[in-house]
PDB file of N, CA and C in Angstrom:
ATOM      1  N   MET A   1       0.838  -1.183   0.000  1.00  0.00           N
ATOM      2  CA  MET A   1       0.000   0.000   0.000  1.00  0.00           C
ATOM      3  C   MET A   1       0.878   1.239   0.000  1.00  0.00           C
ATOM      4  N   THR A   2       0.656   2.128  -0.935  1.00  0.00           N
ATOM      5  CA  THR A   2       1.408   3.372  -1.009  1.00  0.00           C
ATOM      6  C   THR A   2       0.499   4.497  -0.567  1.00  0.00           C
ATOM      7  N   HIS A   3       0.948   5.224   0.392  1.00  0.00           N
ATOM      8  CA  HIS A   3       0.189   6.353   0.906  1.00  0.00           C
ATOM      9  C   HIS A   3       0.821   7.615   0.354  1.00  0.00           C
ATOM     10  N   LYS A   4       0.012   8.586  -0.057  1.00  0.00           N
ATOM     11  CA  LYS A   4       0.541   9.783  -0.702  1.00  0.00           C
ATOM     12  C   LYS A   4       1.519  10.558   0.174  1.00  0.00           C
ATOM     13  N   ASN A   5       1.424  10.442   1.485  1.00  0.00           N
ATOM     14  CA  ASN A   5       2.308  11.171   2.395  1.00  0.00           C
ATOM     15  C   ASN A   5       3.204  10.232   3.186  1.00  0.00           C
ATOM     16  N   GLN A   6       3.604   9.123   2.600  1.00  0.00           N
ATOM     17  CA  GLN A   6       4.318   8.115   3.371  1.00  0.00           C
ATOM     18  C   GLN A   6       5.649   8.601   3.930  1.00  0.00           C
ATOM     19  N   HIS A   7       6.249   9.641   3.365  1.00  0.00           N
ATOM     20  CA  HIS A   7       7.531  10.140   3.864  1.00  0.00           C
ATOM     21  C   HIS A   7       7.382  11.460   4.618  1.00  0.00           C
ATOM     22  N   ARG A   8       6.189  11.847   4.900  1.00  0.00           N
ATOM     23  CA  ARG A   8       5.930  13.105   5.586  1.00  0.00           C
ATOM     24  C   ARG A   8       6.077  12.926   7.090  1.00  0.00           C
ATOM     25  N   LEU A   9       6.669  13.897   7.742  1.00  0.00           N
ATOM     26  CA  LEU A   9       6.854  13.881   9.189  1.00  0.00           C
ATOM     27  C   LEU A   9       5.620  14.474   9.866  1.00  0.00           C
ATOM     28  N   LEU A  10       5.128  13.801  10.889  1.00  0.00           N
ATOM     29  CA  LEU A  10       4.013  14.316  11.677  1.00  0.00           C
ATOM     30  C   LEU A  10       4.396  14.220  13.139  1.00  0.00           C
ATOM     31  N   ILE A  11       4.391  15.370  13.820  1.00  0.00           N
ATOM     32  CA  ILE A  11       4.724  15.424  15.241  1.00  0.00           C
ATOM     33  C   ILE A  11       3.444  15.721  16.012  1.00  0.00           C
ATOM     34  N   LEU A  12       3.109  14.837  16.943  1.00  0.00           N
ATOM     35  CA  LEU A  12       1.945  15.024  17.803  1.00  0.00           C
ATOM     36  C   LEU A  12       2.437  15.364  19.197  1.00  0.00           C
ATOM     37  N   VAL A  13       1.953  16.483  19.730  1.00  0.00           N
ATOM     38  CA  VAL A  13       2.299  16.867  21.094  1.00  0.00           C
ATOM     39  C   VAL A  13       1.011  16.908  21.892  1.00  0.00           C
ATOM     40  N   ASN A  14       0.989  16.110  22.930  1.00  0.00           N
ATOM     41  CA  ASN A  14      -0.183  15.991  23.778  1.00  0.00           C
ATOM     42  C   ASN A  14      -0.207  17.132  24.788  1.00  0.00           C
ATOM     43  N   THR A  15      -1.333  17.818  24.850  1.00  0.00           N
ATOM     44  CA  THR A  15      -1.492  18.894  25.821  1.00  0.00           C
ATOM     45  C   THR A  15      -2.811  18.706  26.561  1.00  0.00           C
ATOM     46  N   TYR A  16      -2.835  19.142  27.789  1.00  0.00           N
ATOM     47  CA  TYR A  16      -4.091  19.127  28.541  1.00  0.00           C
ATOM     48  C   TYR A  16      -4.934  20.295  28.055  1.00  0.00           C
ATOM     49  N   ILE A  17      -4.759  21.455  28.644  1.00  0.00           N
ATOM     50  CA  ILE A  17      -5.475  22.644  28.196  1.00  0.00           C
ATOM     51  C   ILE A  17      -4.472  23.667  27.686  1.00  0.00           C
ATOM     52  N   ILE A  18      -3.550  24.077  28.537  1.00  0.00           N
ATOM     53  CA  ILE A  18      -2.469  24.948  28.092  1.00  0.00           C
ATOM     54  C   ILE A  18      -1.152  24.327  28.528  1.00  0.00           C
ATOM     55  N   GLY A  19      -0.104  24.867  27.998  1.00  0.00           N
ATOM     56  CA  GLY A  19       1.224  24.346  28.292  1.00  0.00           C
ATOM     57  C   GLY A  19       1.902  23.905  27.011  1.00  0.00           C
ATOM     58  N   LYS A  20       3.178  23.834  27.051  1.00  0.00           N
ATOM     59  CA  LYS A  20       3.996  23.391  25.918  1.00  0.00           C
ATOM     60  C   LYS A  20       4.023  24.394  24.768  1.00  0.00           C
ATOM     61  N   GLU A  21       3.650  25.653  25.016  1.00  0.00           N
ATOM     62  CA  GLU A  21       3.665  26.654  23.956  1.00  0.00           C
ATOM     63  C   GLU A  21       5.090  26.941  23.479  1.00  0.00           C
ATOM     64  N   LYS A  22       6.036  27.041  24.410  1.00  0.00           N
ATOM     65  CA  LYS A  22       7.429  27.297  24.017  1.00  0.00           C
ATOM     66  C   LYS A  22       7.983  26.123  23.221  1.00  0.00           C
ATOM     67  N   LEU A  23       7.641  24.918  23.624  1.00  0.00           N
ATOM     68  CA  LEU A  23       8.056  23.727  22.882  1.00  0.00           C
ATOM     69  C   LEU A  23       7.490  23.776  21.466  1.00  0.00           C
ATOM     70  N   ALA A  24       6.228  24.092  21.350  1.00  0.00           N
ATOM     71  CA  ALA A  24       5.580  24.163  20.040  1.00  0.00           C
ATOM     72  C   ALA A  24       6.268  25.184  19.143  1.00  0.00           C
ATOM     73  N   LEU A  25       6.530  26.364  19.670  1.00  0.00           N
ATOM     74  CA  LEU A  25       7.180  27.405  18.873  1.00  0.00           C
ATOM     75  C   LEU A  25       8.577  26.990  18.430  1.00  0.00           C
ATOM     76  N   GLY A  26       9.329  26.379  19.316  1.00  0.00           N
ATOM     77  CA  GLY A  26      10.677  25.932  18.966  1.00  0.00           C
ATOM     78  C   GLY A  26      10.670  24.904  17.854  1.00  0.00           C
ATOM     79  N   ILE A  27       9.773  23.946  17.947  1.00  0.00           N
ATOM     80  CA  ILE A  27       9.714  22.887  16.932  1.00  0.00           C
ATOM     81  C   ILE A  27       9.251  23.435  15.590  1.00  0.00           C
ATOM     82  N   VAL A  28       8.176  24.212  15.578  1.00  0.00           N
ATOM     83  CA  VAL A  28       7.668  24.692  14.288  1.00  0.00           C
ATOM     84  C   VAL A  28       8.605  25.696  13.641  1.00  0.00           C
ATOM     85  N   ASN A  29       9.361  26.435  14.438  1.00  0.00           N
ATOM     86  CA  ASN A  29      10.363  27.328  13.849  1.00  0.00           C
ATOM     87  C   ASN A  29      11.439  26.517  13.145  1.00  0.00           C
ATOM     88  N   SER A  30      11.849  25.420  13.735  1.00  0.00           N
ATOM     89  CA  SER A  30      12.855  24.548  13.115  1.00  0.00           C
ATOM     90  C   SER A  30      12.317  23.874  11.859  1.00  0.00           C
ATOM     91  N   LEU A  31      11.061  23.456  11.898  1.00  0.00           N
ATOM     92  CA  LEU A  31      10.453  22.742  10.768  1.00  0.00           C
ATOM     93  C   LEU A  31       9.905  23.667   9.688  1.00  0.00           C
ATOM     94  N   LYS A  32       9.788  24.948  10.009  1.00  0.00           N
ATOM     95  CA  LYS A  32       9.116  25.894   9.103  1.00  0.00           C
ATOM     96  C   LYS A  32       7.690  25.410   8.829  1.00  0.00           C
ATOM     97  N   SER A  33       7.008  25.034   9.890  1.00  0.00           N
ATOM     98  CA  SER A  33       5.662  24.480   9.791  1.00  0.00           C
ATOM     99  C   SER A  33       4.670  25.380  10.512  1.00  0.00           C
ATOM    100  N   LYS A  34       3.423  25.144  10.249  1.00  0.00           N
ATOM    101  CA  LYS A  34       2.334  25.745  11.006  1.00  0.00           C
ATOM    102  C   LYS A  34       1.942  24.774  12.117  1.00  0.00           C
ATOM    103  N   ILE A  35       1.015  25.196  12.960  1.00  0.00           N
ATOM    104  CA  ILE A  35       0.537  24.374  14.070  1.00  0.00           C
ATOM    105  C   ILE A  35      -0.945  24.098  13.863  1.00  0.00           C
ATOM    106  N   TYR A  36      -1.294  22.813  13.840  1.00  0.00           N
ATOM    107  CA  TYR A  36      -2.708  22.467  13.810  1.00  0.00           C
ATOM    108  C   TYR A  36      -3.192  22.270  15.242  1.00  0.00           C
ATOM    109  N   ALA A  37      -4.339  22.855  15.538  1.00  0.00           N
ATOM    110  CA  ALA A  37      -5.039  22.620  16.803  1.00  0.00           C
ATOM    111  C   ALA A  37      -6.530  22.690  16.499  1.00  0.00           C
ATOM    112  N   ASP A  38      -7.305  21.889  17.194  1.00  0.00           N
ATOM    113  CA  ASP A  38      -8.747  21.930  16.956  1.00  0.00           C
ATOM    114  C   ASP A  38      -9.311  23.261  17.453  1.00  0.00           C
ATOM    115  N   GLN A  39     -10.572  23.514  17.136  1.00  0.00           N
ATOM    116  CA  GLN A  39     -11.207  24.789  17.479  1.00  0.00           C
ATOM    117  C   GLN A  39     -11.149  25.089  18.966  1.00  0.00           C
ATOM    118  N   TYR A  40     -11.409  24.089  19.766  1.00  0.00           N
ATOM    119  CA  TYR A  40     -11.398  24.268  21.216  1.00  0.00           C
ATOM    120  C   TYR A  40     -10.030  24.749  21.691  1.00  0.00           C
ATOM    121  N   LYS A  41      -8.980  24.079  21.249  1.00  0.00           N
ATOM    122  CA  LYS A  41      -7.636  24.443  21.676  1.00  0.00           C
ATOM    123  C   LYS A  41      -7.224  25.801  21.099  1.00  0.00           C
ATOM    124  N   GLN A  42      -7.667  26.114  19.884  1.00  0.00           N
ATOM    125  CA  GLN A  42      -7.345  27.418  19.302  1.00  0.00           C
ATOM    126  C   GLN A  42      -7.963  28.556  20.114  1.00  0.00           C
ATOM    127  N   LYS A  43      -9.179  28.361  20.604  1.00  0.00           N
ATOM    128  CA  LYS A  43      -9.815  29.388  21.444  1.00  0.00           C
ATOM    129  C   LYS A  43      -9.024  29.604  22.730  1.00  0.00           C
ATOM    130  N   ILE A  44      -8.565  28.522  23.318  1.00  0.00           N
ATOM    131  CA  ILE A  44      -7.776  28.623  24.543  1.00  0.00           C
ATOM    132  C   ILE A  44      -6.465  29.351  24.270  1.00  0.00           C
ATOM    133  N   ILE A  45      -5.796  28.985  23.194  1.00  0.00           N
ATOM    134  CA  ILE A  45      -4.516  29.613  22.852  1.00  0.00           C
ATOM    135  C   ILE A  45      -4.700  31.098  22.574  1.00  0.00           C
ATOM    136  N   SER A  46      -5.813  31.483  21.975  1.00  0.00           N
ATOM    137  CA  SER A  46      -6.048  32.902  21.698  1.00  0.00           C
ATOM    138  C   SER A  46      -6.137  33.723  22.984  1.00  0.00           C
ATOM    139  N   CYS A  47      -6.544  33.100  24.077  1.00  0.00           N
ATOM    140  CA  CYS A  47      -6.612  33.789  25.372  1.00  0.00           C
ATOM    141  C   CYS A  47      -5.222  34.101  25.931  1.00  0.00           C
ATOM    142  N   LEU A  48      -4.198  33.413  25.445  1.00  0.00           N
ATOM    143  CA  LEU A  48      -2.834  33.651  25.921  1.00  0.00           C
ATOM    144  C   LEU A  48      -2.252  34.947  25.380  1.00  0.00           C
ATOM    145  N   GLU A  49      -2.893  35.509  24.353  1.00  0.00           N
ATOM    146  CA  GLU A  49      -2.460  36.752  23.723  1.00  0.00           C
ATOM    147  C   GLU A  49      -1.007  36.683  23.264  1.00  0.00           C
ATOM    148  N   ASN A  50      -0.643  35.574  22.655  1.00  0.00           N
ATOM    149  CA  ASN A  50       0.691  35.371  22.094  1.00  0.00           C
ATOM    150  C   ASN A  50       0.553  35.458  20.573  1.00  0.00           C
ATOM    151  N   GLU A  51       0.888  36.628  20.016  1.00  0.00           N
ATOM    152  CA  GLU A  51       0.695  36.866  18.585  1.00  0.00           C
ATOM    153  C   GLU A  51       1.479  35.891  17.712  1.00  0.00           C
ATOM    154  N   LYS A  52       2.708  35.587  18.105  1.00  0.00           N
ATOM    155  CA  LYS A  52       3.538  34.665  17.322  1.00  0.00           C
ATOM    156  C   LYS A  52       2.865  33.296  17.240  1.00  0.00           C
ATOM    157  N   LEU A  53       2.433  32.788  18.385  1.00  0.00           N
ATOM    158  CA  LEU A  53       1.777  31.487  18.429  1.00  0.00           C
ATOM    159  C   LEU A  53       0.462  31.514  17.646  1.00  0.00           C
ATOM    160  N   SER A  54      -0.338  32.531  17.870  1.00  0.00           N
ATOM    161  CA  SER A  54      -1.633  32.637  17.186  1.00  0.00           C
ATOM    162  C   SER A  54      -1.475  32.716  15.670  1.00  0.00           C
ATOM    163  N   SER A  55      -0.415  33.378  15.212  1.00  0.00           N
ATOM    164  CA  SER A  55      -0.212  33.524  13.764  1.00  0.00           C
ATOM    165  C   SER A  55       0.158  32.207  13.087  1.00  0.00           C
ATOM    166  N   LEU A  56       0.610  31.235  13.852  1.00  0.00           N
ATOM    167  CA  LEU A  56       1.013  29.944  13.295  1.00  0.00           C
ATOM    168  C   LEU A  56      -0.101  28.903  13.309  1.00  0.00           C
ATOM    169  N   LEU A  57      -1.210  29.204  13.977  1.00  0.00           N
ATOM    170  CA  LEU A  57      -2.314  28.245  14.090  1.00  0.00           C
ATOM    171  C   LEU A  57      -3.096  28.127  12.791  1.00  0.00           C
ATOM    172  N   ILE A  58      -3.416  26.896  12.433  1.00  0.00           N
ATOM    173  CA  ILE A  58      -4.268  26.651  11.274  1.00  0.00           C
ATOM    174  C   ILE A  58      -5.332  25.627  11.654  1.00  0.00           C
ATOM    175  N   SER A  59      -6.406  25.594  10.881  1.00  0.00           N
ATOM    176  CA  SER A  59      -7.503  24.677  11.202  1.00  0.00           C
ATOM    177  C   SER A  59      -7.552  23.454  10.289  1.00  0.00           C
ATOM    178  N   ASP A  60      -6.681  23.401   9.290  1.00  0.00           N
ATOM    179  CA  ASP A  60      -6.636  22.230   8.401  1.00  0.00           C
ATOM    180  C   ASP A  60      -5.458  21.346   8.806  1.00  0.00           C
ATOM    181  N   PRO A  61      -5.723  20.199   9.413  1.00  0.00           N
ATOM    182  CA  PRO A  61      -4.635  19.359   9.914  1.00  0.00           C
ATOM    183  C   PRO A  61      -3.702  18.838   8.832  1.00  0.00           C
ATOM    184  N   SER A  62      -4.166  18.754   7.602  1.00  0.00           N
ATOM    185  CA  SER A  62      -3.313  18.224   6.532  1.00  0.00           C
ATOM    186  C   SER A  62      -2.242  19.217   6.092  1.00  0.00           C
ATOM    187  N   GLU A  63      -2.332  20.465   6.553  1.00  0.00           N
ATOM    188  CA  GLU A  63      -1.366  21.486   6.158  1.00  0.00           C
ATOM    189  C   GLU A  63      -0.288  21.737   7.206  1.00  0.00           C
ATOM    190  N   ALA A  64      -0.265  20.944   8.264  1.00  0.00           N
ATOM    191  CA  ALA A  64       0.722  21.149   9.327  1.00  0.00           C
ATOM    192  C   ALA A  64       1.429  19.848   9.659  1.00  0.00           C
ATOM    193  N   SER A  65       2.713  19.962   9.961  1.00  0.00           N
ATOM    194  CA  SER A  65       3.496  18.801  10.407  1.00  0.00           C
ATOM    195  C   SER A  65       3.474  18.675  11.921  1.00  0.00           C
ATOM    196  N   PHE A  66       2.925  19.670  12.583  1.00  0.00           N
ATOM    197  CA  PHE A  66       2.917  19.721  14.042  1.00  0.00           C
ATOM    198  C   PHE A  66       1.474  19.861  14.510  1.00  0.00           C
ATOM    199  N   HIS A  67       1.015  18.912  15.335  1.00  0.00           N
ATOM    200  CA  HIS A  67      -0.358  18.940  15.844  1.00  0.00           C
ATOM    201  C   HIS A  67      -0.347  18.967  17.367  1.00  0.00           C
ATOM    202  N   LEU A  68      -1.081  19.907  17.933  1.00  0.00           N
ATOM    203  CA  LEU A  68      -1.357  19.891  19.367  1.00  0.00           C
ATOM    204  C   LEU A  68      -2.624  19.063  19.521  1.00  0.00           C
ATOM    205  N   VAL A  69      -2.538  17.962  20.232  1.00  0.00           N
ATOM    206  CA  VAL A  69      -3.666  17.037  20.305  1.00  0.00           C
ATOM    207  C   VAL A  69      -4.027  16.706  21.747  1.00  0.00           C
ATOM    208  N   ASN A  70      -5.215  16.170  21.900  1.00  0.00           N
ATOM    209  CA  ASN A  70      -5.676  15.678  23.196  1.00  0.00           C
ATOM    210  C   ASN A  70      -5.264  14.225  23.352  1.00  0.00           C
ATOM    211  N   PHE A  71      -5.360  13.715  24.559  1.00  0.00           N
ATOM    212  CA  PHE A  71      -5.012  12.319  24.823  1.00  0.00           C
ATOM    213  C   PHE A  71      -5.758  11.354  23.907  1.00  0.00           C
ATOM    214  N   ARG A  72      -7.010  11.658  23.611  1.00  0.00           N
ATOM    215  CA  ARG A  72      -7.803  10.719  22.812  1.00  0.00           C
ATOM    216  C   ARG A  72      -7.259  10.553  21.392  1.00  0.00           C
ATOM    217  N   ASN A  73      -6.436  11.481  20.923  1.00  0.00           N
ATOM    218  CA  ASN A  73      -5.872  11.380  19.575  1.00  0.00           C
ATOM    219  C   ASN A  73      -4.447  10.858  19.540  1.00  0.00           C
ATOM    220  N   MET A  74      -3.899  10.539  20.694  1.00  0.00           N
ATOM    221  CA  MET A  74      -2.544   9.993  20.706  1.00  0.00           C
ATOM    222  C   MET A  74      -2.598   8.524  20.299  1.00  0.00           C
ATOM    223  N   PRO A  75      -1.653   8.075  19.484  1.00  0.00           N
ATOM    224  CA  PRO A  75      -1.711   6.706  18.961  1.00  0.00           C
ATOM    225  C   PRO A  75      -1.202   5.646  19.931  1.00  0.00           C
ATOM    226  N   ILE A  76      -1.538   5.784  21.195  1.00  0.00           N
ATOM    227  CA  ILE A  76      -1.144   4.796  22.192  1.00  0.00           C
ATOM    228  C   ILE A  76      -1.930   3.513  21.980  1.00  0.00           C
ATOM    229  N   GLU A  77      -3.156   3.678  21.582  1.00  0.00           N
ATOM    230  CA  GLU A  77      -4.014   2.528  21.340  1.00  0.00           C
ATOM    231  C   GLU A  77      -4.182   2.323  19.842  1.00  0.00           C
ATOM    232  N   LEU A  78      -4.364   1.110  19.445  1.00  0.00           N
ATOM    233  CA  LEU A  78      -4.506   0.778  18.032  1.00  0.00           C
ATOM    234  C   LEU A  78      -5.617   1.573  17.361  1.00  0.00           C
ATOM    235  N   ARG A  79      -6.699   1.818  18.065  1.00  0.00           N
ATOM    236  CA  ARG A  79      -7.819   2.537  17.458  1.00  0.00           C
ATOM    237  C   ARG A  79      -7.439   3.953  17.043  1.00  0.00           C
ATOM    238  N   ASN A  80      -6.392   4.515  17.645  1.00  0.00           N
ATOM    239  CA  ASN A  80      -5.971   5.869  17.320  1.00  0.00           C
ATOM    240  C   ASN A  80      -4.978   5.937  16.169  1.00  0.00           C
ATOM    241  N   ILE A  81      -4.471   4.822  15.719  1.00  0.00           N
ATOM    242  CA  ILE A  81      -3.522   4.817  14.614  1.00  0.00           C
ATOM    243  C   ILE A  81      -4.155   5.414  13.358  1.00  0.00           C
ATOM    244  N   LYS A  82      -5.453   5.250  13.196  1.00  0.00           N
ATOM    245  CA  LYS A  82      -6.127   5.801  12.016  1.00  0.00           C
ATOM    246  C   LYS A  82      -5.942   7.315  11.931  1.00  0.00           C
ATOM    247  N   TYR A  83      -5.779   7.987  13.074  1.00  0.00           N
ATOM    248  CA  TYR A  83      -5.535   9.428  13.084  1.00  0.00           C
ATOM    249  C   TYR A  83      -4.289   9.759  12.275  1.00  0.00           C
ATOM    250  N   LEU A  84      -3.242   8.970  12.448  1.00  0.00           N
ATOM    251  CA  LEU A  84      -1.983   9.224  11.759  1.00  0.00           C
ATOM    252  C   LEU A  84      -2.107   9.045  10.254  1.00  0.00           C
ATOM    253  N   PHE A  85      -2.857   8.071   9.817  1.00  0.00           N
ATOM    254  CA  PHE A  85      -2.948   7.777   8.395  1.00  0.00           C
ATOM    255  C   PHE A  85      -3.807   8.772   7.624  1.00  0.00           C
ATOM    256  N   GLN A  86      -4.476   9.666   8.306  1.00  0.00           N
ATOM    257  CA  GLN A  86      -5.245  10.701   7.628  1.00  0.00           C
ATOM    258  C   GLN A  86      -4.337  11.772   7.049  1.00  0.00           C
ATOM    259  N   TYR A  87      -3.083  11.807   7.499  1.00  0.00           N
ATOM    260  CA  TYR A  87      -2.179  12.879   7.106  1.00  0.00           C
ATOM    261  C   TYR A  87      -0.971  12.318   6.445  1.00  0.00           C
TER     262      TYR A  87
END
């Protein structure tokens, strides 16, 4: 099976509500990537009033190599592996 993005790097960083913002900025600056976060997490991040971080947020997960995700999307369990193959 050949997947169109088989050589693409995807970094998932698990966050509770806030935290790991400096880590996120450091990684995406190195990768020259945007940050995907779901709507809920984007609203929370906007409350931090960090213009640099907010400017890197996108809502289309296929356009970012870096995803801020919840525990339910981490591929610890087999059922979550499908999340990775979407990108």
